[in-house]
C-alpha cells in the first residue's frame, strides 16, 4: 500500500517545448524539492495502460504501472515537497481525471509558450533528433490530422498541442484555480530567477535558494548535417563529459558558436505565411486564454 511519501505533491503538466528540461535541472538543485529520477514518467498520460503507436516512432518511455510510479518517490527522505514533470499531461484528455483520482490535492504547474512558436520548435526538435521524416514544417502541419487518425503519437501533434485554453478548461473543471500556477515561457526567458522564485513561492519552499541558470538545456539550434553526426552530438560519451567538466562555460559557448556553422545545417524555415495561418487558427483560443490567466497575450497574435 502506498504512503503519502510515495506520491508527488506537485506536477509540472506542460506544455511540450516550454523549458521543462531546464526547469527540471534547476529545481532538482533545491534541497527542499525531491524530483522523480525519471524526468518524464508520463504515468497520468497512460494510467495502467501501455501505449501502442504507429508511424516512424512507435515506442515511448512510459511508467505505466502504478507500483513502478510509486517507486519513483521511494528515495524521498526529508524533502518537504516532491514532484515530477510530464509536459504531456496538459495535452492528454485523460490526465486531469487520472490525477484527480489519485492525488486530488496535488499542486499543478503549467508553462505556456506562444503556440505558433511552440509548434515550430517542436517540429525542429523532431527534425534534430531524426524523428520527423518531412523536411518542411508546412508539410508536417498538413499531414498532422492524417497522422493522428492513423495513431501516430503526440510527438507529431504540432498544431494540436497549442490549444491551451481548451486544455486548461479540462483541469479547471476538476481542480480549484488556486491549486494551479499558470506561467508563460517568455517570463522564464526574460527573468529566470524571478520565474523560479514564483514557483518556489507556490510550492512553499525557500524562495531565496540560489539557482544556477547559466545554461539552458535541450535548445534546438539547428539540424545535424548527417545521421552519424546527430548520433555523436546526442551521445553522452566520455569525451563530452570531459569537456563539460573541464572547459569553462564561457569557453564552451565560444567554441560552440565557432563550430556550429560547420556542424549544423540551419533550422527549417518558419515562413511568415505559415505563422500567419497558425496565428489565425489559434486566435480564438488565445483570446479565451487571456481571460483565464488574466494576461495580455497580444504578442502571440503577431504575424
Protein backbone atom coordinates (compact mmCIF):
# COMPACT_ATOMS: atom_id res chain seq x y z
CA UNK A 1 0.00 0.00 0.00
CA UNK A 2 1.37 3.40 -0.98
CA UNK A 3 2.11 6.14 1.53
CA UNK A 4 1.93 9.89 1.03
CA UNK A 5 5.70 9.98 0.53
CA UNK A 6 5.36 7.66 -2.48
CA UNK A 7 3.23 10.14 -4.41
CA UNK A 8 4.11 13.61 -5.68
CA UNK A 9 2.87 16.82 -4.11
CA UNK A 10 3.12 18.72 -7.39
CA UNK A 11 3.17 18.08 -11.12
CA UNK A 12 4.53 20.21 -13.95
CA UNK A 13 1.85 19.34 -16.51
CA UNK A 14 3.07 21.14 -19.60
CA UNK A 15 3.46 22.21 -22.18
CA UNK A 16 5.92 20.47 -24.52
CA UNK A 17 8.89 22.65 -25.59
CA UNK A 18 8.37 25.15 -22.78
CA UNK A 19 11.67 24.85 -20.94
CA UNK A 20 10.80 21.93 -18.68
CA UNK A 21 14.13 20.16 -19.27
CA UNK A 22 15.99 23.18 -17.89
CA UNK A 23 13.40 23.62 -15.16
CA UNK A 24 13.91 20.02 -14.05
CA UNK A 25 17.63 20.63 -13.59
CA UNK A 26 17.08 23.91 -11.77
CA UNK A 27 14.50 22.58 -9.30
CA UNK A 28 16.47 19.39 -8.72
CA UNK A 29 19.19 21.54 -7.12
CA UNK A 30 16.78 22.85 -4.47
CA UNK A 31 17.34 21.00 -1.16
CA UNK A 32 13.64 21.21 -0.25
CA UNK A 33 12.39 19.66 -3.51
CA UNK A 34 12.50 15.98 -4.43
CA UNK A 35 12.04 15.24 -8.13
CA UNK A 36 11.42 11.83 -9.63
CA UNK A 37 14.65 10.36 -11.06
CA UNK A 38 12.88 9.95 -14.39
CA UNK A 39 12.20 13.44 -15.70
CA UNK A 40 9.02 12.48 -17.59
CA UNK A 41 7.28 9.40 -16.13
CA UNK A 42 4.09 10.18 -18.12
CA UNK A 43 2.09 7.89 -15.83
CA UNK A 44 -1.06 10.04 -15.83
CA UNK A 45 -0.99 10.25 -19.62
CA UNK A 46 -1.44 6.47 -19.88
CA UNK A 47 -2.51 5.27 -16.40
CA UNK A 48 -2.15 1.49 -16.11
CA UNK A 49 -2.05 1.18 -19.90
CA UNK A 50 0.97 0.51 -22.07
CA UNK A 51 0.61 2.82 -25.10
CA UNK A 52 0.90 1.48 -28.64
CA UNK A 53 1.52 3.75 -31.62
CA UNK A 54 2.15 3.56 -35.34
CA UNK A 55 4.39 5.71 -37.52
CA UNK A 56 8.18 6.11 -37.50
CA UNK A 57 8.41 6.43 -33.71
CA UNK A 58 6.42 3.59 -32.14
CA UNK A 59 7.90 3.39 -28.66
CA UNK A 60 7.53 5.88 -25.84
CA UNK A 61 9.23 5.63 -22.45
CA UNK A 62 6.31 5.48 -20.02
CA UNK A 63 5.97 4.46 -16.39
CA UNK A 64 2.53 2.90 -16.81
CA UNK A 65 2.25 0.61 -13.79
CA UNK A 66 1.19 2.23 -10.54
CA UNK A 67 3.69 0.22 -8.48
CA UNK A 68 6.53 1.50 -10.69
CA UNK A 69 5.22 5.04 -10.30
CA UNK A 70 5.30 4.68 -6.51
CA UNK A 71 8.92 3.52 -6.68
CA UNK A 72 9.93 6.83 -8.25
CA UNK A 73 9.32 8.51 -4.90
CA UNK A 74 10.72 5.87 -2.54
CA UNK A 75 14.05 7.68 -2.25
CA UNK A 76 12.40 10.82 -0.88
CA UNK A 77 13.69 11.50 2.63
CA UNK A 78 13.31 14.88 4.36
CA UNK A 79 12.27 17.00 1.37
CA UNK A 80 9.03 18.88 2.19
CA UNK A 81 7.71 18.55 -1.36
CA UNK A 82 8.11 16.05 -4.19
CA UNK A 83 7.13 16.33 -7.80
CA UNK A 84 7.57 15.22 -11.37
CA UNK A 85 7.40 16.82 -14.81
CA UNK A 86 5.46 15.29 -17.67
CA UNK A 87 4.52 18.01 -20.19
CA UNK A 88 2.19 15.58 -21.94
CA UNK A 89 -0.31 15.85 -19.06
CA UNK A 90 -1.70 19.16 -20.30
CA UNK A 91 -2.49 17.68 -23.70
CA UNK A 92 -3.80 14.21 -22.84
CA UNK A 93 -7.55 14.27 -22.25
CA UNK A 94 -7.43 11.52 -19.62
CA UNK A 95 -4.77 13.16 -17.46
CA UNK A 96 -6.87 15.59 -15.37
CA UNK A 97 -9.25 12.83 -14.28
CA UNK A 98 -6.43 10.39 -13.56
CA UNK A 99 -4.59 12.98 -11.45
CA UNK A 100 -7.77 13.94 -9.61
CA UNK A 101 -8.45 10.29 -8.78
CA UNK A 102 -5.03 9.55 -7.27
CA UNK A 103 -3.69 12.88 -5.94
CA UNK A 104 -6.60 15.35 -5.80
CA UNK A 105 -4.64 17.85 -3.68
CA UNK A 106 -1.60 17.99 -5.96
CA UNK A 107 -0.38 21.43 -6.99
CA UNK A 108 -0.27 21.81 -10.77
CA UNK A 109 2.13 23.97 -12.77
CA UNK A 110 1.57 24.79 -16.43
CA UNK A 111 4.07 26.70 -18.56
CA UNK A 112 2.61 28.06 -21.79
CA UNK A 113 4.51 29.20 -24.86
CA UNK A 114 3.44 31.14 -27.96
CA UNK A 115 1.61 28.26 -29.68
CA UNK A 116 2.87 29.01 -33.18
CA UNK A 117 6.48 29.26 -31.99
CA UNK A 118 5.99 26.18 -29.83
CA UNK A 119 4.74 24.16 -32.81
CA UNK A 120 7.72 25.23 -34.91
CA UNK A 121 10.17 24.47 -32.09
CA UNK A 122 8.56 21.06 -31.63
CA UNK A 123 8.99 20.31 -35.35
CA UNK A 124 12.65 21.45 -35.32
CA UNK A 125 13.31 19.32 -32.25
CA UNK A 126 11.96 16.25 -34.06
CA UNK A 127 14.00 17.04 -37.16
CA UNK A 128 17.10 17.47 -34.99
CA UNK A 129 16.57 14.07 -33.40
CA UNK A 130 15.83 12.32 -36.69
CA UNK A 131 12.20 11.54 -35.78
CA UNK A 132 10.43 13.74 -38.34
CA UNK A 133 10.63 12.38 -41.91
CA UNK A 134 9.25 15.55 -43.53
CA UNK A 135 11.76 18.39 -44.04
CA UNK A 136 9.14 21.13 -44.47
CA UNK A 137 7.19 22.48 -41.50
CA UNK A 138 4.12 23.32 -43.56
CA UNK A 139 4.05 19.80 -44.96
CA UNK A 140 4.21 18.35 -41.44
CA UNK A 141 1.30 20.57 -40.39
CA UNK A 142 -0.70 19.44 -43.42
CA UNK A 143 -0.02 15.80 -42.50
CA UNK A 144 -0.97 16.19 -38.84
CA UNK A 145 -4.63 15.19 -38.89
CA UNK A 146 -3.96 12.14 -41.07
CA UNK A 147 -1.18 11.09 -38.72
CA UNK A 148 -3.46 11.46 -35.71
CA UNK A 149 -6.16 9.39 -37.41
CA UNK A 150 -3.61 6.64 -38.11
CA UNK A 151 -2.44 6.56 -34.49
CA UNK A 152 0.86 8.46 -34.54
CA UNK A 153 1.70 9.58 -31.01
CA UNK A 154 1.50 13.16 -29.88
CA UNK A 155 5.15 13.85 -30.63
CA UNK A 156 3.80 14.73 -34.09
CA UNK A 157 0.76 16.77 -32.99
CA UNK A 158 2.43 20.11 -33.62
CA UNK A 159 -0.68 22.25 -34.03
CA UNK A 160 -2.98 20.42 -31.62
CA UNK A 161 -0.69 20.87 -28.62
CA UNK A 162 -1.24 24.64 -28.85
CA UNK A 163 -4.89 24.99 -27.83
CA UNK A 164 -4.13 25.82 -24.22
CA UNK A 165 -7.49 27.29 -23.19
CA UNK A 166 -9.20 24.09 -24.27
CA UNK A 167 -6.68 22.01 -22.35
CA UNK A 168 -6.78 24.15 -19.20
CA UNK A 169 -10.58 24.03 -19.09
CA UNK A 170 -10.36 20.28 -18.51
CA UNK A 171 -8.26 20.93 -15.40
CA UNK A 172 -10.32 23.85 -14.12
CA UNK A 173 -13.42 21.66 -14.19
CA UNK A 174 -11.76 19.33 -11.68
CA UNK A 175 -9.30 21.44 -9.68
CA UNK A 176 -9.62 24.78 -7.85
CA UNK A 177 -7.88 27.65 -9.65
CA UNK A 178 -5.75 28.24 -6.56
CA UNK A 179 -4.27 24.77 -6.94
CA UNK A 180 -2.80 25.77 -10.30
CA UNK A 181 0.10 28.02 -11.23
CA UNK A 182 -0.09 29.05 -14.89
CA UNK A 183 3.10 30.63 -16.19
CA UNK A 184 4.33 31.98 -19.53
CA UNK A 185 7.57 30.74 -21.10
CA UNK A 186 8.53 34.28 -22.11
CA UNK A 187 8.98 35.12 -18.41
CA UNK A 188 11.37 32.22 -17.94
CA UNK A 189 13.50 33.56 -20.80
CA UNK A 190 13.36 37.19 -19.65
CA UNK A 191 13.82 36.69 -15.89
CA UNK A 192 14.62 33.11 -14.95
CA UNK A 193 15.46 33.84 -11.27
CA UNK A 194 12.14 35.65 -10.83
CA UNK A 195 10.34 32.85 -12.64
CA UNK A 196 11.85 30.25 -10.29
CA UNK A 197 11.02 32.38 -7.26
CA UNK A 198 7.33 32.31 -8.24
CA UNK A 199 7.43 28.52 -8.46
CA UNK A 200 9.14 28.21 -5.07
CA UNK A 201 6.57 30.51 -3.50
CA UNK A 202 3.75 28.42 -4.97
CA UNK A 203 5.31 25.21 -3.66
CA UNK A 204 6.01 26.69 -0.22
CA UNK A 205 9.78 26.19 -0.28
CA UNK A 206 12.67 28.62 0.22
CA UNK A 207 12.34 31.35 -2.42
CA UNK A 208 15.90 32.59 -1.84
CA UNK A 209 17.68 29.45 -2.99
CA UNK A 210 20.44 30.37 -5.44
CA UNK A 211 19.81 28.55 -8.72
CA UNK A 212 22.49 28.20 -11.39
CA UNK A 213 20.64 29.28 -14.53
CA UNK A 214 23.73 29.94 -16.64
CA UNK A 215 22.88 27.13 -19.06
CA UNK A 216 19.69 26.12 -20.84
CA UNK A 217 19.01 22.53 -21.85
CA UNK A 218 17.52 20.93 -24.95
CA UNK A 219 17.73 24.07 -27.12
CA UNK A 220 17.43 23.33 -30.84
CA UNK A 221 19.98 25.49 -32.66
CA UNK A 222 19.94 23.66 -35.97
CA UNK A 223 19.81 20.28 -37.67
CA UNK A 224 22.86 17.95 -37.72
CA UNK A 225 24.16 17.67 -41.27
CA UNK A 226 24.50 13.89 -41.16
CA UNK A 227 22.92 10.98 -39.29
CA UNK A 228 26.30 9.95 -37.87
CA UNK A 229 26.91 13.48 -36.59
CA UNK A 230 23.48 13.55 -34.97
CA UNK A 231 24.25 10.35 -33.06
CA UNK A 232 27.62 11.73 -31.96
CA UNK A 233 26.16 15.03 -30.74
CA UNK A 234 23.41 13.27 -28.79
CA UNK A 235 25.71 10.74 -27.16
CA UNK A 236 26.79 11.17 -23.55
CA UNK A 237 30.22 9.65 -24.06
CA UNK A 238 33.39 10.24 -22.02
CA UNK A 239 34.71 12.96 -24.36
CA UNK A 240 31.54 15.02 -23.92
CA UNK A 241 31.59 14.58 -20.16
CA UNK A 242 35.26 15.55 -20.01
CA UNK A 243 34.67 18.75 -21.97
CA UNK A 244 31.71 19.71 -19.79
CA UNK A 245 33.71 19.04 -16.63
CA UNK A 246 36.97 20.77 -17.58
CA UNK A 247 36.30 23.53 -20.13
CA UNK A 248 34.88 26.75 -18.61
CA UNK A 249 31.34 27.65 -19.60
CA UNK A 250 32.36 30.86 -21.40
CA UNK A 251 34.94 28.99 -23.48
CA UNK A 252 32.47 26.19 -24.27
CA UNK A 253 29.99 28.76 -25.50
CA UNK A 254 32.64 30.42 -27.71
CA UNK A 255 33.75 27.10 -29.18
CA UNK A 256 30.16 26.04 -29.75
CA UNK A 257 29.29 29.15 -31.74
CA UNK A 258 32.56 28.94 -33.69
CA UNK A 259 31.93 25.39 -34.88
CA UNK A 260 28.15 25.45 -35.13
CA UNK A 261 28.18 26.57 -38.76
CA UNK A 262 30.31 23.55 -39.64
CA UNK A 263 28.38 21.03 -37.55
CA UNK A 264 24.81 22.18 -38.06
CA UNK A 265 22.60 22.99 -41.00
CA UNK A 266 20.18 25.89 -40.43
CA UNK A 267 16.82 25.10 -38.91
CA UNK A 268 13.99 24.61 -41.44
CA UNK A 269 12.41 27.89 -42.42
CA UNK A 270 9.40 29.16 -40.47
CA UNK A 271 7.77 31.04 -43.32
CA UNK A 272 5.71 34.12 -42.40
CA UNK A 273 2.71 32.75 -44.26
CA UNK A 274 2.79 29.56 -42.22
CA UNK A 275 2.95 31.55 -38.99
CA UNK A 276 0.07 33.76 -40.13
CA UNK A 277 -2.07 30.70 -40.80
CA UNK A 278 -1.28 29.22 -37.39
CA UNK A 279 -2.00 32.51 -35.62
CA UNK A 280 -5.35 32.68 -37.39
CA UNK A 281 -6.20 29.18 -36.18
CA UNK A 282 -5.02 29.80 -32.63
CA UNK A 283 -6.55 33.28 -32.22
CA UNK A 284 -9.91 32.30 -30.65
CA UNK A 285 -8.14 30.03 -28.15
CA UNK A 286 -5.56 32.72 -27.31
CA UNK A 287 -8.30 35.30 -26.70
CA UNK A 288 -10.04 32.89 -24.33
CA UNK A 289 -6.74 32.05 -22.62
CA UNK A 290 -6.15 35.74 -21.90
CA UNK A 291 -9.32 35.74 -19.81
CA UNK A 292 -8.41 32.53 -17.99
CA UNK A 293 -4.97 33.74 -16.91
CA UNK A 294 -5.80 37.49 -16.87
CA UNK A 295 -2.85 38.42 -19.04
CA UNK A 296 -2.30 40.27 -22.31
CA UNK A 297 -1.08 37.76 -24.91
CA UNK A 298 -1.30 40.06 -27.94
CA UNK A 299 2.36 39.32 -28.70
CA UNK A 300 1.30 35.80 -29.64
CA UNK A 301 -1.07 37.21 -32.24
CA UNK A 302 1.60 38.96 -34.28
CA UNK A 303 2.14 37.70 -37.85
